[in-house]
C-alpha atoms as a PDB file:
ATOM      1  CA  MET A   1      69.557 -40.665 180.503  1.00  0.00           C
ATOM      2  CA  TYR A   2      65.956 -42.388 180.448  1.00  0.00           C
ATOM      3  CA  GLN A   3      62.087 -42.031 179.567  1.00  0.00           C
ATOM      4  CA  GLY A   4      59.459 -43.774 180.058  1.00  0.00           C
ATOM      5  CA  ASN A   5      55.352 -43.515 179.522  1.00  0.00           C
ATOM      6  CA  ILE A   6      52.661 -45.112 179.648  1.00  0.00           C
ATOM      7  CA  SER A   7      48.807 -43.547 178.980  1.00  0.00           C
ATOM      8  CA  HIS A   8      45.411 -45.267 178.284  1.00  0.00           C
ATOM      9  CA  GLN A   9      42.636 -43.965 178.040  1.00  0.00           C
ATOM     10  CA  GLY A  10      38.245 -45.964 177.678  1.00  0.00           C
ATOM     11  CA  SER A  11      38.124 -48.959 179.891  1.00  0.00           C
ATOM     12  CA  LEU A  12      41.306 -50.799 182.244  1.00  0.00           C
ATOM     13  CA  THR A  13      41.360 -54.043 184.065  1.00  0.00           C
ATOM     14  CA  GLY A  14      44.454 -55.901 184.514  1.00  0.00           C
ATOM     15  CA  VAL A  15      48.409 -54.173 183.714  1.00  0.00           C
ATOM     16  CA  SER A  16      50.033 -51.501 181.974  1.00  0.00           C
ATOM     17  CA  ARG A  17      54.416 -52.458 182.440  1.00  0.00           C
ATOM     18  CA  GLY A  18      57.231 -49.570 181.815  1.00  0.00           C
ATOM     19  CA  GLU A  19      61.148 -51.172 182.529  1.00  0.00           C
ATOM     20  CA  PHE A  20      63.720 -49.863 183.158  1.00  0.00           C
ATOM     21  CA  LEU A  21      67.614 -49.519 184.109  1.00  0.00           C
ATOM     22  CA  ALA A  22      68.371 -47.207 186.581  1.00  0.00           C
ATOM     23  CA  ALA A  23      71.497 -46.859 188.378  1.00  0.00           C
ATOM     24  CA  PRO A  24      72.466 -46.687 192.454  1.00  0.00           C
ATOM     25  CA  GLY A  25      72.787 -43.188 193.343  1.00  0.00           C
ATOM     26  CA  GLY A  26      70.653 -41.893 190.678  1.00  0.00           C
ATOM     27  CA  VAL A  27      66.955 -40.287 190.812  1.00  0.00           C
ATOM     28  CA  ILE A  28      63.444 -41.164 189.293  1.00  0.00           C
ATOM     29  CA  ALA A  29      61.019 -38.105 188.946  1.00  0.00           C
ATOM     30  CA  LEU A  30      57.559 -39.887 188.335  1.00  0.00           C
ATOM     31  CA  GLN A  31      53.986 -37.140 187.213  1.00  0.00           C
ATOM     32  CA  TYR A  32      50.964 -38.765 187.029  1.00  0.00           C
ATOM     33  CA  VAL A  33      47.260 -37.598 185.955  1.00  0.00           C
ATOM     34  CA  ALA A  34      44.605 -40.027 185.559  1.00  0.00           C
ATOM     35  CA  ARG A  35      41.341 -39.852 185.505  1.00  0.00           C
ATOM     36  CA  VAL A  36      38.074 -42.405 187.477  1.00  0.00           C
ATOM     37  CA  ARG A  37      35.205 -42.616 187.109  1.00  0.00           C
ATOM     38  CA  ALA A  38      34.401 -44.914 187.875  1.00  0.00           C
ATOM     39  CA  GLY A  39      36.704 -48.349 189.601  1.00  0.00           C
ATOM     40  CA  SER A  40      40.297 -48.150 191.073  1.00  0.00           C
ATOM     41  CA  LEU A  41      43.536 -47.483 189.617  1.00  0.00           C
ATOM     42  CA  SER A  42      47.041 -48.391 190.943  1.00  0.00           C
ATOM     43  CA  ILE A  43      50.048 -47.035 189.832  1.00  0.00           C
ATOM     44  CA  VAL A  44      53.433 -48.452 191.258  1.00  0.00           C
ATOM     45  CA  VAL A  45      57.442 -48.719 191.502  1.00  0.00           C
ATOM     46  CA  ARG A  46      58.706 -52.479 191.331  1.00  0.00           C
ATOM     47  CA  ALA A  47      62.598 -52.388 193.306  1.00  0.00           C
ATOM     48  CA  PRO A  48      64.101 -55.008 191.518  1.00  0.00           C
ATOM     49  CA  ASP A  49      64.800 -56.606 193.990  1.00  0.00           C
ATOM     50  CA  GLY A  50      60.637 -57.211 193.925  1.00  0.00           C
ATOM     51  CA  LEU A  51      59.285 -55.020 196.037  1.00  0.00           C
ATOM     52  CA  ALA A  52      57.723 -51.641 195.714  1.00  0.00           C
ATOM     53  CA  ALA A  53      59.300 -48.072 195.929  1.00  0.00           C
ATOM     54  CA  TRP A  54      56.649 -46.755 195.431  1.00  0.00           C
ATOM     55  CA  ARG A  55      52.936 -46.933 195.715  1.00  0.00           C
ATOM     56  CA  VAL A  56      49.204 -44.636 195.184  1.00  0.00           C
ATOM     57  CA  VAL A  57      45.946 -45.765 194.924  1.00  0.00           C
ATOM     58  CA  LEU A  58      43.122 -44.119 193.499  1.00  0.00           C
ATOM     59  CA  ALA A  59      39.005 -44.301 193.589  1.00  0.00           C
ATOM     60  CA  ASP A  60      38.812 -40.581 192.096  1.00  0.00           C
ATOM     61  CA  ASP A  61      41.580 -38.245 190.161  1.00  0.00           C
ATOM     62  CA  GLY A  62      43.789 -37.354 190.929  1.00  0.00           C
ATOM     63  CA  GLU A  63      48.268 -36.247 190.035  1.00  0.00           C
ATOM     64  CA  ASP A  64      51.097 -35.537 191.731  1.00  0.00           C
ATOM     65  CA  ARG A  65      54.818 -35.298 191.617  1.00  0.00           C
ATOM     66  CA  VAL A  66      57.196 -38.060 193.103  1.00  0.00           C
ATOM     67  CA  THR A  67      60.797 -38.041 192.773  1.00  0.00           C
ATOM     68  CA  LEU A  68      62.583 -41.626 194.964  1.00  0.00           C
ATOM     69  CA  PRO A  69      66.317 -41.846 195.886  1.00  0.00           C
ATOM     70  CA  VAL A  70      67.732 -45.685 193.589  1.00  0.00           C
ATOM     71  CA  GLY A  71      69.462 -47.046 196.146  1.00  0.00           C
ATOM     72  CA  ARG A  72      69.956 -50.051 194.891  1.00  0.00           C
ATOM     73  CA  GLY A  73      70.561 -50.282 190.915  1.00  0.00           C
ATOM     74  CA  GLY A  74      69.249 -52.415 188.313  1.00  0.00           C
ATOM     75  CA  ARG A  75      66.351 -53.870 186.391  1.00  0.00           C
ATOM     76  CA  TYR A  76      63.073 -51.205 187.731  1.00  0.00           C
ATOM     77  CA  THR A  77      59.301 -51.774 186.651  1.00  0.00           C
ATOM     78  CA  VAL A  78      56.350 -49.266 186.325  1.00  0.00           C
ATOM     79  CA  LEU A  79      52.860 -51.274 186.837  1.00  0.00           C
ATOM     80  CA  VAL A  80      49.572 -49.167 186.235  1.00  0.00           C
ATOM     81  CA  GLU A  81      46.803 -51.387 187.267  1.00  0.00           C
ATOM     82  CA  GLY A  82      43.460 -50.464 187.255  1.00  0.00           C
ATOM     83  CA  ARG A  83      40.126 -52.223 188.427  1.00  0.00           C
ATOM     84  CA  GLY A  84      37.536 -51.920 186.436  1.00  0.00           C
ATOM     85  CA  VAL A  85      38.403 -48.541 185.836  1.00  0.00           C
ATOM     86  CA  ASP A  86      36.762 -46.607 182.933  1.00  0.00           C
ATOM     87  CA  GLY A  87      39.061 -42.664 182.796  1.00  0.00           C
ATOM     88  CA  SER A  88      42.600 -42.519 182.006  1.00  0.00           C
ATOM     89  CA  VAL A  89      45.492 -42.311 183.182  1.00  0.00           C
ATOM     90  CA  ASP A  90      48.849 -40.732 182.419  1.00  0.00           C
ATOM     91  CA  VAL A  91      52.400 -41.715 183.096  1.00  0.00           C
ATOM     92  CA  PHE A  92      55.457 -40.140 182.830  1.00  0.00           C
ATOM     93  CA  TRP A  93      59.419 -40.756 183.810  1.00  0.00           C
ATOM     94  CA  GLU A  94      63.047 -39.888 184.036  1.00  0.00           C
ATOM     95  CA  VAL A  95      66.092 -41.771 185.384  1.00  0.00           C
ATOM     96  CA  ARG A  96      68.528 -39.138 185.795  1.00  0.00           C
END
């Protein structure tokens, strides 16, 4: 099992990233909590082929838990991108 997180408070313009390996047949469990006072924030899980396996764009506060089946094994990337964001974001993931 692998766990990771990205946390940020204050202003955010740009990208933060985390990477991990996932095996076929596994599961990625992701949870986020975001407080967005200004700007917009996107959270993306990118599959090994470079395509988005999951994405959310927030202009307001939001939180959720998602479970993504791993169809293709390899290196996955979690991207948190802020565009003039004032607020905070916490993203946690676990690979099972």
